Amino acid sequence: MVRHQRLHDAMKHMMDAPFGWGIGDVRDIEQWDPRLQVLDVATLPDIAAIFRDRVAKRHRLAARLVGTLVPGLARAYRLSRVSLGA
């Protein structure tokens, strides 16, 4: 994502604040500080399935197809829930 952000349809308009780095596995941050804890990580297909009642059927189908046909792309967009500790 960081490498290709200028090509992304939304990000290319926000290049005054570009992403400077990315992380392959968000769980790596748990080793930075013991207070950091990754609670959940979900890909777009996961989110479409979890929020089935809120996601249009065509989007659920598209997410499932992407997850099956292009798994690398499905994993590129992840939503992570992290606890920052007390």
PDB file of N, CA and C in Angstrom:
ATOM      1  N   MET A   1       0.817  -1.196   0.000  1.00  0.00           N
ATOM      2  CA  MET A   1       0.000   0.000   0.000  1.00  0.00           C
ATOM      3  C   MET A   1       0.860   1.258   0.000  1.00  0.00           C
ATOM      4  N   VAL A   2       1.892   1.263   0.825  1.00  0.00           N
ATOM      5  CA  VAL A   2       2.734   2.458   0.901  1.00  0.00           C
ATOM      6  C   VAL A   2       3.388   2.728  -0.447  1.00  0.00           C
ATOM      7  N   ARG A   3       3.887   1.682  -1.063  1.00  0.00           N
ATOM      8  CA  ARG A   3       4.602   1.823  -2.334  1.00  0.00           C
ATOM      9  C   ARG A   3       3.685   2.342  -3.447  1.00  0.00           C
ATOM     10  N   HIS A   4       2.416   1.946  -3.442  1.00  0.00           N
ATOM     11  CA  HIS A   4       1.504   2.286  -4.531  1.00  0.00           C
ATOM     12  C   HIS A   4       0.434   3.300  -4.147  1.00  0.00           C
ATOM     13  N   GLN A   5       0.641   4.032  -3.065  1.00  0.00           N
ATOM     14  CA  GLN A   5      -0.410   4.927  -2.597  1.00  0.00           C
ATOM     15  C   GLN A   5      -0.746   6.031  -3.593  1.00  0.00           C
ATOM     16  N   ARG A   6       0.188   6.439  -4.416  1.00  0.00           N
ATOM     17  CA  ARG A   6      -0.097   7.481  -5.416  1.00  0.00           C
ATOM     18  C   ARG A   6      -1.063   6.989  -6.495  1.00  0.00           C
ATOM     19  N   LEU A   7      -1.194   5.676  -6.628  1.00  0.00           N
ATOM     20  CA  LEU A   7      -2.078   5.100  -7.636  1.00  0.00           C
ATOM     21  C   LEU A   7      -3.485   4.843  -7.102  1.00  0.00           C
ATOM     22  N   HIS A   8      -3.644   4.862  -5.798  1.00  0.00           N
ATOM     23  CA  HIS A   8      -4.947   4.579  -5.185  1.00  0.00           C
ATOM     24  C   HIS A   8      -5.899   5.725  -5.475  1.00  0.00           C
ATOM     25  N   ASP A   9      -7.131   5.402  -5.850  1.00  0.00           N
ATOM     26  CA  ASP A   9      -8.076   6.430  -6.282  1.00  0.00           C
ATOM     27  C   ASP A   9      -8.352   7.495  -5.234  1.00  0.00           C
ATOM     28  N   ALA A  10      -8.351   7.155  -3.965  1.00  0.00           N
ATOM     29  CA  ALA A  10      -8.593   8.160  -2.918  1.00  0.00           C
ATOM     30  C   ALA A  10      -7.287   8.765  -2.410  1.00  0.00           C
ATOM     31  N   MET A  11      -6.287   7.938  -2.201  1.00  0.00           N
ATOM     32  CA  MET A  11      -5.031   8.410  -1.610  1.00  0.00           C
ATOM     33  C   MET A  11      -4.272   9.384  -2.508  1.00  0.00           C
ATOM     34  N   LYS A  12      -4.394   9.258  -3.810  1.00  0.00           N
ATOM     35  CA  LYS A  12      -3.631  10.132  -4.700  1.00  0.00           C
ATOM     36  C   LYS A  12      -4.008  11.601  -4.525  1.00  0.00           C
ATOM     37  N   HIS A  13      -5.165  11.863  -3.914  1.00  0.00           N
ATOM     38  CA  HIS A  13      -5.597  13.239  -3.676  1.00  0.00           C
ATOM     39  C   HIS A  13      -5.157  13.761  -2.305  1.00  0.00           C
ATOM     40  N   MET A  14      -4.511  12.933  -1.533  1.00  0.00           N
ATOM     41  CA  MET A  14      -4.093  13.325  -0.177  1.00  0.00           C
ATOM     42  C   MET A  14      -2.585  13.181   0.008  1.00  0.00           C
ATOM     43  N   MET A  15      -1.824  13.447  -1.016  1.00  0.00           N
ATOM     44  CA  MET A  15      -0.388  13.227  -0.953  1.00  0.00           C
ATOM     45  C   MET A  15       0.359  14.281  -0.149  1.00  0.00           C
ATOM     46  N   ASP A  16      -0.358  15.272   0.411  1.00  0.00           N
ATOM     47  CA  ASP A  16       0.314  16.216   1.297  1.00  0.00           C
ATOM     48  C   ASP A  16       0.595  15.567   2.659  1.00  0.00           C
ATOM     49  N   ALA A  17      -0.004  14.403   2.915  1.00  0.00           N
ATOM     50  CA  ALA A  17       0.247  13.639   4.142  1.00  0.00           C
ATOM     51  C   ALA A  17       0.365  12.157   3.782  1.00  0.00           C
ATOM     52  N   PRO A  18       1.425  11.794   3.028  1.00  0.00           N
ATOM     53  CA  PRO A  18       1.548  10.408   2.566  1.00  0.00           C
ATOM     54  C   PRO A  18       1.934   9.454   3.703  1.00  0.00           C
ATOM     55  N   PHE A  19       1.608   8.178   3.500  1.00  0.00           N
ATOM     56  CA  PHE A  19       2.077   7.154   4.428  1.00  0.00           C
ATOM     57  C   PHE A  19       3.579   7.028   4.257  1.00  0.00           C
ATOM     58  N   GLY A  20       4.311   7.050   5.350  1.00  0.00           N
ATOM     59  CA  GLY A  20       5.765   6.939   5.287  1.00  0.00           C
ATOM     60  C   GLY A  20       6.264   5.520   5.438  1.00  0.00           C
ATOM     61  N   TRP A  21       5.440   4.662   6.017  1.00  0.00           N
ATOM     62  CA  TRP A  21       5.844   3.279   6.217  1.00  0.00           C
ATOM     63  C   TRP A  21       4.606   2.420   6.409  1.00  0.00           C
ATOM     64  N   GLY A  22       4.801   1.134   6.318  1.00  0.00           N
ATOM     65  CA  GLY A  22       3.729   0.178   6.540  1.00  0.00           C
ATOM     66  C   GLY A  22       4.270  -0.980   7.353  1.00  0.00           C
ATOM     67  N   ILE A  23       3.398  -1.862   7.739  1.00  0.00           N
ATOM     68  CA  ILE A  23       3.811  -3.020   8.527  1.00  0.00           C
ATOM     69  C   ILE A  23       3.134  -4.255   7.948  1.00  0.00           C
ATOM     70  N   GLY A  24       3.908  -5.291   7.757  1.00  0.00           N
ATOM     71  CA  GLY A  24       3.374  -6.514   7.175  1.00  0.00           C
ATOM     72  C   GLY A  24       2.428  -7.255   8.098  1.00  0.00           C
ATOM     73  N   ASP A  25       2.754  -7.278   9.371  1.00  0.00           N
ATOM     74  CA  ASP A  25       1.915  -7.967  10.358  1.00  0.00           C
ATOM     75  C   ASP A  25       1.760  -7.057  11.560  1.00  0.00           C
ATOM     76  N   VAL A  26       0.551  -6.547  11.771  1.00  0.00           N
ATOM     77  CA  VAL A  26       0.296  -5.598  12.851  1.00  0.00           C
ATOM     78  C   VAL A  26       0.661  -6.183  14.214  1.00  0.00           C
ATOM     79  N   ARG A  27       0.649  -7.502  14.330  1.00  0.00           N
ATOM     80  CA  ARG A  27       0.988  -8.125  15.618  1.00  0.00           C
ATOM     81  C   ARG A  27       2.441  -7.868  16.019  1.00  0.00           C
ATOM     82  N   ASP A  28       3.280  -7.462  15.072  1.00  0.00           N
ATOM     83  CA  ASP A  28       4.668  -7.120  15.399  1.00  0.00           C
ATOM     84  C   ASP A  28       4.756  -5.960  16.388  1.00  0.00           C
ATOM     85  N   ILE A  29       3.742  -5.086  16.424  1.00  0.00           N
ATOM     86  CA  ILE A  29       3.811  -3.940  17.337  1.00  0.00           C
ATOM     87  C   ILE A  29       3.735  -4.364  18.799  1.00  0.00           C
ATOM     88  N   GLU A  30       3.234  -5.568  19.061  1.00  0.00           N
ATOM     89  CA  GLU A  30       3.157  -6.049  20.436  1.00  0.00           C
ATOM     90  C   GLU A  30       4.545  -6.194  21.052  1.00  0.00           C
ATOM     91  N   GLN A  31       5.554  -6.341  20.214  1.00  0.00           N
ATOM     92  CA  GLN A  31       6.925  -6.463  20.708  1.00  0.00           C
ATOM     93  C   GLN A  31       7.578  -5.100  20.949  1.00  0.00           C
ATOM     94  N   TRP A  32       6.972  -4.030  20.463  1.00  0.00           N
ATOM     95  CA  TRP A  32       7.508  -2.691  20.665  1.00  0.00           C
ATOM     96  C   TRP A  32       7.342  -2.232  22.106  1.00  0.00           C
ATOM     97  N   ASP A  33       6.190  -2.574  22.681  1.00  0.00           N
ATOM     98  CA  ASP A  33       5.856  -2.106  24.028  1.00  0.00           C
ATOM     99  C   ASP A  33       4.875  -3.115  24.625  1.00  0.00           C
ATOM    100  N   PRO A  34       5.108  -3.569  25.847  1.00  0.00           N
ATOM    101  CA  PRO A  34       4.224  -4.577  26.437  1.00  0.00           C
ATOM    102  C   PRO A  34       2.786  -4.106  26.643  1.00  0.00           C
ATOM    103  N   ARG A  35       2.539  -2.804  26.590  1.00  0.00           N
ATOM    104  CA  ARG A  35       1.170  -2.297  26.746  1.00  0.00           C
ATOM    105  C   ARG A  35       0.341  -2.427  25.471  1.00  0.00           C
ATOM    106  N   LEU A  36       0.995  -2.648  24.343  1.00  0.00           N
ATOM    107  CA  LEU A  36       0.283  -2.774  23.068  1.00  0.00           C
ATOM    108  C   LEU A  36      -0.197  -4.203  22.881  1.00  0.00           C
ATOM    109  N   GLN A  37      -1.482  -4.354  22.582  1.00  0.00           N
ATOM    110  CA  GLN A  37      -2.054  -5.680  22.379  1.00  0.00           C
ATOM    111  C   GLN A  37      -3.027  -5.627  21.210  1.00  0.00           C
ATOM    112  N   VAL A  38      -2.771  -6.448  20.204  1.00  0.00           N
ATOM    113  CA  VAL A  38      -3.670  -6.538  19.061  1.00  0.00           C
ATOM    114  C   VAL A  38      -4.844  -7.417  19.464  1.00  0.00           C
ATOM    115  N   LEU A  39      -6.042  -6.859  19.397  1.00  0.00           N
ATOM    116  CA  LEU A  39      -7.243  -7.577  19.807  1.00  0.00           C
ATOM    117  C   LEU A  39      -7.882  -8.333  18.649  1.00  0.00           C
ATOM    118  N   ASP A  40      -7.956  -7.697  17.490  1.00  0.00           N
ATOM    119  CA  ASP A  40      -8.582  -8.303  16.311  1.00  0.00           C
ATOM    120  C   ASP A  40      -7.913  -7.770  15.053  1.00  0.00           C
ATOM    121  N   VAL A  41      -7.899  -8.591  14.021  1.00  0.00           N
ATOM    122  CA  VAL A  41      -7.479  -8.174  12.686  1.00  0.00           C
ATOM    123  C   VAL A  41      -8.471  -8.790  11.714  1.00  0.00           C
ATOM    124  N   ALA A  42      -9.031  -7.962  10.832  1.00  0.00           N
ATOM    125  CA  ALA A  42     -10.012  -8.454   9.869  1.00  0.00           C
ATOM    126  C   ALA A  42      -9.707  -7.898   8.480  1.00  0.00           C
ATOM    127  N   THR A  43      -9.820  -8.750   7.475  1.00  0.00           N
ATOM    128  CA  THR A  43      -9.658  -8.332   6.087  1.00  0.00           C
ATOM    129  C   THR A  43     -11.019  -7.867   5.564  1.00  0.00           C
ATOM    130  N   LEU A  44     -11.048  -7.335   4.359  1.00  0.00           N
ATOM    131  CA  LEU A  44     -12.329  -6.914   3.780  1.00  0.00           C
ATOM    132  C   LEU A  44     -13.334  -8.070   3.687  1.00  0.00           C
ATOM    133  N   PRO A  45     -12.922  -9.264   3.230  1.00  0.00           N
ATOM    134  CA  PRO A  45     -13.897 -10.364   3.230  1.00  0.00           C
ATOM    135  C   PRO A  45     -14.395 -10.711   4.644  1.00  0.00           C
ATOM    136  N   ASP A  46     -13.509 -10.635   5.631  1.00  0.00           N
ATOM    137  CA  ASP A  46     -13.918 -10.892   7.017  1.00  0.00           C
ATOM    138  C   ASP A  46     -14.969  -9.879   7.463  1.00  0.00           C
ATOM    139  N   ILE A  47     -14.716  -8.612   7.169  1.00  0.00           N
ATOM    140  CA  ILE A  47     -15.621  -7.538   7.593  1.00  0.00           C
ATOM    141  C   ILE A  47     -16.988  -7.703   6.925  1.00  0.00           C
ATOM    142  N   ALA A  48     -16.978  -8.055   5.640  1.00  0.00           N
ATOM    143  CA  ALA A  48     -18.243  -8.253   4.925  1.00  0.00           C
ATOM    144  C   ALA A  48     -19.048  -9.395   5.546  1.00  0.00           C
ATOM    145  N   ALA A  49     -18.364 -10.435   6.001  1.00  0.00           N
ATOM    146  CA  ALA A  49     -19.051 -11.569   6.625  1.00  0.00           C
ATOM    147  C   ALA A  49     -19.522 -11.221   8.038  1.00  0.00           C
ATOM    148  N   ILE A  50     -18.687 -10.545   8.803  1.00  0.00           N
ATOM    149  CA  ILE A  50     -19.026 -10.190  10.186  1.00  0.00           C
ATOM    150  C   ILE A  50     -20.230  -9.247  10.226  1.00  0.00           C
ATOM    151  N   PHE A  51     -20.219  -8.255   9.338  1.00  0.00           N
ATOM    152  CA  PHE A  51     -21.294  -7.256   9.306  1.00  0.00           C
ATOM    153  C   PHE A  51     -22.263  -7.546   8.161  1.00  0.00           C
ATOM    154  N   ARG A  52     -22.584  -8.794   7.999  1.00  0.00           N
ATOM    155  CA  ARG A  52     -23.444  -9.276   6.912  1.00  0.00           C
ATOM    156  C   ARG A  52     -24.721  -8.457   6.764  1.00  0.00           C
ATOM    157  N   ASP A  53     -25.326  -8.091   7.890  1.00  0.00           N
ATOM    158  CA  ASP A  53     -26.591  -7.354   7.835  1.00  0.00           C
ATOM    159  C   ASP A  53     -26.409  -5.894   7.439  1.00  0.00           C
ATOM    160  N   ARG A  54     -25.189  -5.402   7.437  1.00  0.00           N
ATOM    161  CA  ARG A  54     -24.927  -3.996   7.095  1.00  0.00           C
ATOM    162  C   ARG A  54     -24.260  -3.822   5.724  1.00  0.00           C
ATOM    163  N   VAL A  55     -23.812  -4.924   5.128  1.00  0.00           N
ATOM    164  CA  VAL A  55     -23.092  -4.863   3.856  1.00  0.00           C
ATOM    165  C   VAL A  55     -24.007  -5.411   2.759  1.00  0.00           C
ATOM    166  N   ALA A  56     -24.131  -4.640   1.685  1.00  0.00           N
ATOM    167  CA  ALA A  56     -24.985  -5.064   0.563  1.00  0.00           C
ATOM    168  C   ALA A  56     -24.523  -6.416   0.013  1.00  0.00           C
ATOM    169  N   LYS A  57     -25.473  -7.191  -0.438  1.00  0.00           N
ATOM    170  CA  LYS A  57     -25.181  -8.534  -0.940  1.00  0.00           C
ATOM    171  C   LYS A  57     -24.117  -8.511  -2.038  1.00  0.00           C
ATOM    172  N   ARG A  58     -24.208  -7.546  -2.941  1.00  0.00           N
ATOM    173  CA  ARG A  58     -23.222  -7.482  -4.038  1.00  0.00           C
ATOM    174  C   ARG A  58     -21.815  -7.201  -3.504  1.00  0.00           C
ATOM    175  N   HIS A  59     -21.717  -6.427  -2.420  1.00  0.00           N
ATOM    176  CA  HIS A  59     -20.403  -6.155  -1.836  1.00  0.00           C
ATOM    177  C   HIS A  59     -19.870  -7.376  -1.091  1.00  0.00           C
ATOM    178  N   ARG A  60     -20.767  -8.121  -0.455  1.00  0.00           N
ATOM    179  CA  ARG A  60     -20.333  -9.363   0.203  1.00  0.00           C
ATOM    180  C   ARG A  60     -19.814 -10.345  -0.825  1.00  0.00           C
ATOM    181  N   LEU A  61     -20.525 -10.447  -1.946  1.00  0.00           N
ATOM    182  CA  LEU A  61     -20.092 -11.343  -3.021  1.00  0.00           C
ATOM    183  C   LEU A  61     -18.749 -10.892  -3.592  1.00  0.00           C
ATOM    184  N   ALA A  62     -18.605  -9.601  -3.838  1.00  0.00           N
ATOM    185  CA  ALA A  62     -17.341  -9.077  -4.365  1.00  0.00           C
ATOM    186  C   ALA A  62     -16.197  -9.342  -3.391  1.00  0.00           C
ATOM    187  N   ALA A  63     -16.444  -9.135  -2.103  1.00  0.00           N
ATOM    188  CA  ALA A  63     -15.405  -9.383  -1.091  1.00  0.00           C
ATOM    189  C   ALA A  63     -15.012 -10.857  -1.074  1.00  0.00           C
ATOM    190  N   ARG A  64     -15.997 -11.736  -1.186  1.00  0.00           N
ATOM    191  CA  ARG A  64     -15.716 -13.167  -1.193  1.00  0.00           C
ATOM    192  C   ARG A  64     -14.906 -13.550  -2.435  1.00  0.00           C
ATOM    193  N   LEU A  65     -15.271 -12.986  -3.592  1.00  0.00           N
ATOM    194  CA  LEU A  65     -14.534 -13.276  -4.828  1.00  0.00           C
ATOM    195  C   LEU A  65     -13.097 -12.791  -4.745  1.00  0.00           C
ATOM    196  N   VAL A  66     -12.913 -11.576  -4.241  1.00  0.00           N
ATOM    197  CA  VAL A  66     -11.554 -11.040  -4.093  1.00  0.00           C
ATOM    198  C   VAL A  66     -10.747 -11.927  -3.146  1.00  0.00           C
ATOM    199  N   GLY A  67     -11.365 -12.319  -2.034  1.00  0.00           N
ATOM    200  CA  GLY A  67     -10.679 -13.181  -1.069  1.00  0.00           C
ATOM    201  C   GLY A  67     -10.266 -14.516  -1.663  1.00  0.00           C
ATOM    202  N   THR A  68     -11.074 -15.021  -2.593  1.00  0.00           N
ATOM    203  CA  THR A  68     -10.784 -16.310  -3.225  1.00  0.00           C
ATOM    204  C   THR A  68      -9.813 -16.172  -4.393  1.00  0.00           C
ATOM    205  N   LEU A  69     -10.054 -15.188  -5.245  1.00  0.00           N
ATOM    206  CA  LEU A  69      -9.276 -15.063  -6.479  1.00  0.00           C
ATOM    207  C   LEU A  69      -7.977 -14.278  -6.318  1.00  0.00           C
ATOM    208  N   VAL A  70      -7.984 -13.291  -5.431  1.00  0.00           N
ATOM    209  CA  VAL A  70      -6.807 -12.439  -5.245  1.00  0.00           C
ATOM    210  C   VAL A  70      -6.556 -12.267  -3.735  1.00  0.00           C
ATOM    211  N   PRO A  71      -6.168 -13.339  -3.044  1.00  0.00           N
ATOM    212  CA  PRO A  71      -6.044 -13.266  -1.584  1.00  0.00           C
ATOM    213  C   PRO A  71      -5.052 -12.206  -1.108  1.00  0.00           C
ATOM    214  N   GLY A  72      -4.011 -11.938  -1.876  1.00  0.00           N
ATOM    215  CA  GLY A  72      -3.058 -10.905  -1.484  1.00  0.00           C
ATOM    216  C   GLY A  72      -3.704  -9.534  -1.408  1.00  0.00           C
ATOM    217  N   LEU A  73      -4.597  -9.245  -2.335  1.00  0.00           N
ATOM    218  CA  LEU A  73      -5.316  -7.977  -2.324  1.00  0.00           C
ATOM    219  C   LEU A  73      -6.281  -7.924  -1.140  1.00  0.00           C
ATOM    220  N   ALA A  74      -6.932  -9.033  -0.869  1.00  0.00           N
ATOM    221  CA  ALA A  74      -7.863  -9.081   0.270  1.00  0.00           C
ATOM    222  C   ALA A  74      -7.137  -8.824   1.583  1.00  0.00           C
ATOM    223  N   ARG A  75      -5.900  -9.298   1.699  1.00  0.00           N
ATOM    224  CA  ARG A  75      -5.118  -9.095   2.927  1.00  0.00           C
ATOM    225  C   ARG A  75      -4.484  -7.703   2.988  1.00  0.00           C
ATOM    226  N   ALA A  76      -4.426  -7.009   1.854  1.00  0.00           N
ATOM    227  CA  ALA A  76      -3.794  -5.685   1.823  1.00  0.00           C
ATOM    228  C   ALA A  76      -4.599  -4.655   2.606  1.00  0.00           C
ATOM    229  N   TYR A  77      -5.895  -4.835   2.654  1.00  0.00           N
ATOM    230  CA  TYR A  77      -6.773  -3.920   3.396  1.00  0.00           C
ATOM    231  C   TYR A  77      -7.226  -4.628   4.666  1.00  0.00           C
ATOM    232  N   ARG A  78      -6.708  -4.174   5.793  1.00  0.00           N
ATOM    233  CA  ARG A  78      -7.054  -4.803   7.064  1.00  0.00           C
ATOM    234  C   ARG A  78      -7.495  -3.755   8.064  1.00  0.00           C
ATOM    235  N   LEU A  79      -8.430  -4.140   8.877  1.00  0.00           N
ATOM    236  CA  LEU A  79      -8.886  -3.314   9.985  1.00  0.00           C
ATOM    237  C   LEU A  79      -8.380  -3.988  11.251  1.00  0.00           C
ATOM    238  N   SER A  80      -7.619  -3.252  12.050  1.00  0.00           N
ATOM    239  CA  SER A  80      -7.025  -3.816  13.270  1.00  0.00           C
ATOM    240  C   SER A  80      -7.538  -3.057  14.480  1.00  0.00           C
ATOM    241  N   ARG A  81      -7.867  -3.801  15.513  1.00  0.00           N
ATOM    242  CA  ARG A  81      -8.283  -3.209  16.785  1.00  0.00           C
ATOM    243  C   ARG A  81      -7.163  -3.497  17.773  1.00  0.00           C
ATOM    244  N   VAL A  82      -6.616  -2.409  18.351  1.00  0.00           N
ATOM    245  CA  VAL A  82      -5.450  -2.507  19.215  1.00  0.00           C
ATOM    246  C   VAL A  82      -5.733  -1.847  20.549  1.00  0.00           C
ATOM    247  N   SER A  83      -5.343  -2.507  21.626  1.00  0.00           N
ATOM    248  CA  SER A  83      -5.419  -1.914  22.949  1.00  0.00           C
ATOM    249  C   SER A  83      -4.087  -1.224  23.226  1.00  0.00           C
ATOM    250  N   LEU A  84      -4.153   0.034  23.657  1.00  0.00           N
ATOM    251  CA  LEU A  84      -2.936   0.801  23.933  1.00  0.00           C
ATOM    252  C   LEU A  84      -2.516   0.703  25.396  1.00  0.00           C
ATOM    253  N   GLY A  85      -3.172  -0.119  26.164  1.00  0.00           N
ATOM    254  CA  GLY A  85      -2.822  -0.311  27.567  1.00  0.00           C
ATOM    255  C   GLY A  85      -3.371   0.787  28.438  1.00  0.00           C
ATOM    256  N   ALA A  86      -3.036   0.679  29.707  1.00  0.00           N
ATOM    257  CA  ALA A  86      -3.565   1.651  30.687  1.00  0.00           C
ATOM    258  C   ALA A  86      -2.729   2.900  30.757  1.00  0.00           C
TER     259      ALA A  86
END
